[in-house]
């Protein structure tokens, strides 16, 4: 069974609301001891939504929490109020 989530961040920049997101197949990203922490997730979200890594817009995005939704698989058991307990999920995969 695949574990798929949509990670999104809602933030405001120059008075405009932004809601960039990405859909991630967690199993694929975590194979081969890859790390999927919040820093990596912000970078993935920025890259997929054409947000510069060295921009004020990126800094504003990083100031807000990543929310997880549209969940498939047993990863659902590790999400509470939109927050993913990545360490517990990774331990389950180990």
C-alpha atoms as a PDB file:
ATOM      1  CA  UNK A   1       0.000   0.000   0.000  1.00  0.00           C
ATOM      2  CA  UNK A   2       1.321   3.420  -0.941  1.00  0.00           C
ATOM      3  CA  UNK A   3       1.430   6.224   1.593  1.00  0.00           C
ATOM      4  CA  UNK A   4       0.541   9.470  -0.160  1.00  0.00           C
ATOM      5  CA  UNK A   5      -0.113  12.913   1.335  1.00  0.00           C
ATOM      6  CA  UNK A   6      -0.600  16.445   0.132  1.00  0.00           C
ATOM      7  CA  UNK A   7       1.599  18.910   2.018  1.00  0.00           C
ATOM      8  CA  UNK A   8       0.595  22.560   1.879  1.00  0.00           C
ATOM      9  CA  UNK A   9       1.498  25.850   3.517  1.00  0.00           C
ATOM     10  CA  UNK A  10      -0.846  28.820   3.772  1.00  0.00           C
ATOM     11  CA  UNK A  11       0.867  32.181   4.060  1.00  0.00           C
ATOM     12  CA  UNK A  12       0.508  35.817   3.069  1.00  0.00           C
ATOM     13  CA  UNK A  13       3.027  37.802   1.058  1.00  0.00           C
ATOM     14  CA  UNK A  14       2.528  41.439   0.054  1.00  0.00           C
ATOM     15  CA  UNK A  15      -1.096  41.242   1.145  1.00  0.00           C
ATOM     16  CA  UNK A  16      -1.826  38.245  -1.076  1.00  0.00           C
ATOM     17  CA  UNK A  17      -2.778  34.794   0.190  1.00  0.00           C
ATOM     18  CA  UNK A  18      -0.700  31.854  -1.070  1.00  0.00           C
ATOM     19  CA  UNK A  19      -1.369  28.133  -0.643  1.00  0.00           C
ATOM     20  CA  UNK A  20       1.424  26.214  -2.367  1.00  0.00           C
ATOM     21  CA  UNK A  21       1.272  22.430  -2.100  1.00  0.00           C
ATOM     22  CA  UNK A  22       2.767  19.170  -3.325  1.00  0.00           C
ATOM     23  CA  UNK A  23       1.604  15.575  -3.331  1.00  0.00           C
ATOM     24  CA  UNK A  24       4.230  13.195  -1.982  1.00  0.00           C
ATOM     25  CA  UNK A  25       4.515   9.422  -2.128  1.00  0.00           C
ATOM     26  CA  UNK A  26       6.279   9.029   1.213  1.00  0.00           C
ATOM     27  CA  UNK A  27       7.518   5.480   0.659  1.00  0.00           C
ATOM     28  CA  UNK A  28       9.366   6.570  -2.474  1.00  0.00           C
ATOM     29  CA  UNK A  29      11.055   9.504  -0.728  1.00  0.00           C
ATOM     30  CA  UNK A  30      12.088   7.523   2.321  1.00  0.00           C
ATOM     31  CA  UNK A  31      13.700   4.630   0.445  1.00  0.00           C
ATOM     32  CA  UNK A  32      17.458   4.496   0.640  1.00  0.00           C
ATOM     33  CA  UNK A  33      17.623   6.375   3.960  1.00  0.00           C
ATOM     34  CA  UNK A  34      16.476   9.675   2.430  1.00  0.00           C
ATOM     35  CA  UNK A  35      15.548  12.304   4.995  1.00  0.00           C
ATOM     36  CA  UNK A  36      12.186  14.020   4.719  1.00  0.00           C
ATOM     37  CA  UNK A  37      12.141  16.689   7.402  1.00  0.00           C
ATOM     38  CA  UNK A  38      10.411  20.054   7.464  1.00  0.00           C
ATOM     39  CA  UNK A  39      13.405  21.829   5.862  1.00  0.00           C
ATOM     40  CA  UNK A  40      13.305  19.444   2.905  1.00  0.00           C
ATOM     41  CA  UNK A  41       9.535  19.739   2.630  1.00  0.00           C
ATOM     42  CA  UNK A  42       9.632  23.539   2.478  1.00  0.00           C
ATOM     43  CA  UNK A  43      12.262  23.271  -0.262  1.00  0.00           C
ATOM     44  CA  UNK A  44      10.189  20.723  -2.227  1.00  0.00           C
ATOM     45  CA  UNK A  45       7.053  22.848  -1.922  1.00  0.00           C
ATOM     46  CA  UNK A  46       8.929  25.986  -3.002  1.00  0.00           C
ATOM     47  CA  UNK A  47      10.557  24.301  -5.982  1.00  0.00           C
ATOM     48  CA  UNK A  48       7.300  22.768  -7.243  1.00  0.00           C
ATOM     49  CA  UNK A  49       5.501  26.114  -6.898  1.00  0.00           C
ATOM     50  CA  UNK A  50       8.187  28.360  -8.431  1.00  0.00           C
ATOM     51  CA  UNK A  51       9.106  30.081  -5.173  1.00  0.00           C
ATOM     52  CA  UNK A  52      12.734  31.195  -5.030  1.00  0.00           C
ATOM     53  CA  UNK A  53      14.817  29.533  -2.317  1.00  0.00           C
ATOM     54  CA  UNK A  54      16.494  32.837  -1.433  1.00  0.00           C
ATOM     55  CA  UNK A  55      13.415  35.040  -1.487  1.00  0.00           C
ATOM     56  CA  UNK A  56      11.417  36.861   1.138  1.00  0.00           C
ATOM     57  CA  UNK A  57       8.407  34.898  -0.090  1.00  0.00           C
ATOM     58  CA  UNK A  58      10.206  31.653   0.873  1.00  0.00           C
ATOM     59  CA  UNK A  59      10.993  33.069   4.324  1.00  0.00           C
ATOM     60  CA  UNK A  60       7.336  33.947   4.842  1.00  0.00           C
ATOM     61  CA  UNK A  61       6.355  30.418   3.831  1.00  0.00           C
ATOM     62  CA  UNK A  62       8.823  28.905   6.301  1.00  0.00           C
ATOM     63  CA  UNK A  63       7.230  30.920   9.119  1.00  0.00           C
ATOM     64  CA  UNK A  64       4.017  28.886   8.753  1.00  0.00           C
ATOM     65  CA  UNK A  65       3.353  25.233   9.573  1.00  0.00           C
ATOM     66  CA  UNK A  66       3.072  22.591   6.877  1.00  0.00           C
ATOM     67  CA  UNK A  67      -0.353  20.939   6.911  1.00  0.00           C
ATOM     68  CA  UNK A  68      -1.027  17.444   5.604  1.00  0.00           C
ATOM     69  CA  UNK A  69      -4.274  16.406   3.950  1.00  0.00           C
ATOM     70  CA  UNK A  70      -5.691  14.132   1.229  1.00  0.00           C
ATOM     71  CA  UNK A  71      -4.060  11.137   2.893  1.00  0.00           C
ATOM     72  CA  UNK A  72      -3.816   7.619   1.486  1.00  0.00           C
ATOM     73  CA  UNK A  73      -2.360   4.606   3.300  1.00  0.00           C
ATOM     74  CA  UNK A  74      -1.473   3.868   6.893  1.00  0.00           C
ATOM     75  CA  UNK A  75       0.276   7.247   7.201  1.00  0.00           C
ATOM     76  CA  UNK A  76      -3.198   8.479   8.148  1.00  0.00           C
ATOM     77  CA  UNK A  77      -2.561   7.004  11.618  1.00  0.00           C
ATOM     78  CA  UNK A  78       0.337   9.436  12.092  1.00  0.00           C
ATOM     79  CA  UNK A  79      -1.489  12.661  11.248  1.00  0.00           C
ATOM     80  CA  UNK A  80      -3.338  14.631  13.913  1.00  0.00           C
ATOM     81  CA  UNK A  81      -4.949  18.003  13.181  1.00  0.00           C
ATOM     82  CA  UNK A  82      -3.034  18.254   9.908  1.00  0.00           C
ATOM     83  CA  UNK A  83       0.387  17.624  11.480  1.00  0.00           C
ATOM     84  CA  UNK A  84       2.422  14.551  10.495  1.00  0.00           C
ATOM     85  CA  UNK A  85       4.520  12.767  13.133  1.00  0.00           C
ATOM     86  CA  UNK A  86       7.285  11.905  10.686  1.00  0.00           C
ATOM     87  CA  UNK A  87       9.549  10.229  13.272  1.00  0.00           C
ATOM     88  CA  UNK A  88       6.814   7.793  14.328  1.00  0.00           C
ATOM     89  CA  UNK A  89       5.898   7.113  10.697  1.00  0.00           C
ATOM     90  CA  UNK A  90       9.541   6.458   9.770  1.00  0.00           C
ATOM     91  CA  UNK A  91       9.896   4.115  12.770  1.00  0.00           C
ATOM     92  CA  UNK A  92       6.932   2.097  11.493  1.00  0.00           C
ATOM     93  CA  UNK A  93       8.645   1.691   8.123  1.00  0.00           C
ATOM     94  CA  UNK A  94      11.941   0.552   9.687  1.00  0.00           C
END
